[in-house]
Amino acid sequence: MKTPNIAVIYLPGNNCEEESLRAITSNGMDGKIVRWNQRKGIEKYDGYVITGGWAYEDRIRAGVIASKDPIIRDVRRQAEQLLLRLDPAPERAAEGKVRVHHDI
């Protein structure tokens, strides 16, 4: 069985990325901290962790700003592809049985 490879997404102002990476590796997975401006190869990861903190300096609506970042769009696209592999029937998504939240 392949060891899962997890990307810890770091956005400006986030924290606990080192602790998150330690938790990932101490549970037998491979991991790497991926900065928001290092999008190349993001699709090679099996999973993603977005840490907490003060994204974009804790400005009002920082989550909205972060959700527009290209790396978050890439992660969202990967999640949608995974859901389609798990349940390829698009009618289930229309019925609300498979759901992707676009308001990260």
Protein backbone atom coordinates (compact mmCIF):
# COMPACT_ATOMS: atom_id res chain seq x y z
CA MET A 1 0.00 0.00 0.00
CA LYS A 2 1.28 3.44 -0.95
CA THR A 3 2.03 5.84 1.89
CA PRO A 4 -0.28 8.88 1.61
CA ASN A 5 1.49 12.09 0.69
CA ILE A 6 -0.13 15.14 2.32
CA ALA A 7 0.40 18.82 1.50
CA VAL A 8 0.15 21.28 4.37
CA ILE A 9 -0.97 24.47 2.63
CA TYR A 10 0.65 27.57 4.05
CA LEU A 11 -1.06 30.91 3.37
CA PRO A 12 0.39 34.25 4.54
CA GLY A 13 -0.29 34.62 8.25
CA ASN A 14 -1.26 31.01 8.95
CA ASN A 15 0.32 29.17 11.83
CA CYS A 16 0.81 25.62 13.12
CA GLU A 17 2.07 24.31 9.79
CA GLU A 18 5.10 22.70 11.47
CA GLU A 19 2.90 21.06 14.12
CA SER A 20 0.51 19.84 11.43
CA LEU A 21 3.38 18.35 9.46
CA ARG A 22 4.66 16.57 12.59
CA ALA A 23 1.20 15.14 13.23
CA ILE A 24 1.04 13.87 9.65
CA THR A 25 4.46 12.22 9.73
CA SER A 26 3.99 10.78 13.22
CA ASN A 27 0.89 9.01 11.89
CA GLY A 28 2.84 7.25 9.15
CA MET A 29 2.17 9.58 6.23
CA ASP A 30 4.54 11.62 4.13
CA GLY A 31 4.04 15.34 4.11
CA LYS A 32 5.40 18.65 2.99
CA ILE A 33 4.63 22.29 3.72
CA VAL A 34 3.57 23.90 0.46
CA ARG A 35 3.57 27.68 0.26
CA TRP A 36 0.66 29.41 -1.46
CA ASN A 37 2.96 30.49 -4.29
CA GLN A 38 4.30 26.95 -4.95
CA ARG A 39 1.41 25.60 -7.00
CA LYS A 40 3.46 23.50 -9.40
CA GLY A 41 2.89 19.80 -8.70
CA ILE A 42 0.04 20.34 -6.22
CA GLU A 43 -1.94 17.59 -7.94
CA LYS A 44 0.61 14.93 -6.87
CA TYR A 45 -0.59 15.01 -3.26
CA ASP A 46 -3.15 12.58 -1.87
CA GLY A 47 -4.58 15.01 0.65
CA TYR A 48 -4.38 18.58 1.88
CA VAL A 49 -4.36 20.30 5.26
CA ILE A 50 -5.08 24.01 5.52
CA THR A 51 -3.91 25.25 8.89
CA GLY A 52 -5.52 27.95 10.98
CA GLY A 53 -4.20 31.28 12.02
CA TRP A 54 -4.50 34.75 10.67
CA ALA A 55 -4.61 34.25 6.92
CA TYR A 56 -3.77 37.42 5.08
CA GLU A 57 -3.02 39.22 8.36
CA ASP A 58 -6.47 38.61 9.83
CA ARG A 59 -8.05 41.24 7.64
CA ILE A 60 -11.82 41.32 7.46
CA ARG A 61 -13.02 38.53 5.19
CA ALA A 62 -9.55 36.93 5.14
CA GLY A 63 -11.16 33.58 4.37
CA VAL A 64 -12.75 35.03 1.27
CA ILE A 65 -9.39 36.41 0.17
CA ALA A 66 -7.75 33.03 0.78
CA SER A 67 -10.50 31.20 -1.12
CA LYS A 68 -9.62 33.23 -4.23
CA ASP A 69 -5.96 32.27 -4.05
CA PRO A 70 -4.94 30.07 -7.01
CA ILE A 71 -3.61 27.27 -4.78
CA ILE A 72 -6.98 26.97 -3.02
CA ARG A 73 -8.71 26.74 -6.40
CA ASP A 74 -6.27 23.93 -7.27
CA VAL A 75 -7.07 22.10 -4.02
CA ARG A 76 -10.80 22.53 -4.64
CA ARG A 77 -10.43 21.11 -8.16
CA GLN A 78 -8.53 18.10 -6.75
CA ALA A 79 -11.30 17.52 -4.18
CA GLU A 80 -13.97 17.63 -6.89
CA GLN A 81 -12.04 15.10 -8.99
CA LEU A 82 -11.69 12.81 -5.99
CA LEU A 83 -15.41 12.97 -5.31
CA LEU A 84 -16.15 12.09 -8.92
CA ARG A 85 -13.81 9.08 -8.69
CA LEU A 86 -15.54 7.95 -5.50
CA ASP A 87 -19.03 8.46 -6.93
CA PRO A 88 -18.99 9.18 -10.67
CA ALA A 89 -22.77 9.53 -10.98
CA PRO A 90 -23.38 13.27 -11.57
CA GLU A 91 -27.07 12.86 -10.80
CA ARG A 92 -26.17 12.09 -7.18
CA ALA A 93 -24.41 15.43 -6.93
CA ALA A 94 -27.54 17.07 -8.31
CA GLU A 95 -29.61 15.25 -5.67
CA GLY A 96 -27.30 16.56 -2.96
CA LYS A 97 -25.87 13.14 -2.10
CA VAL A 98 -22.36 14.21 -3.09
CA ARG A 99 -21.50 17.75 -2.25
CA VAL A 100 -18.51 20.01 -2.70
CA HIS A 101 -18.51 23.23 -0.72
CA HIS A 102 -17.29 26.15 -2.79
CA ASP A 103 -17.27 28.60 0.08
CA ILE A 104 -14.08 27.44 1.76
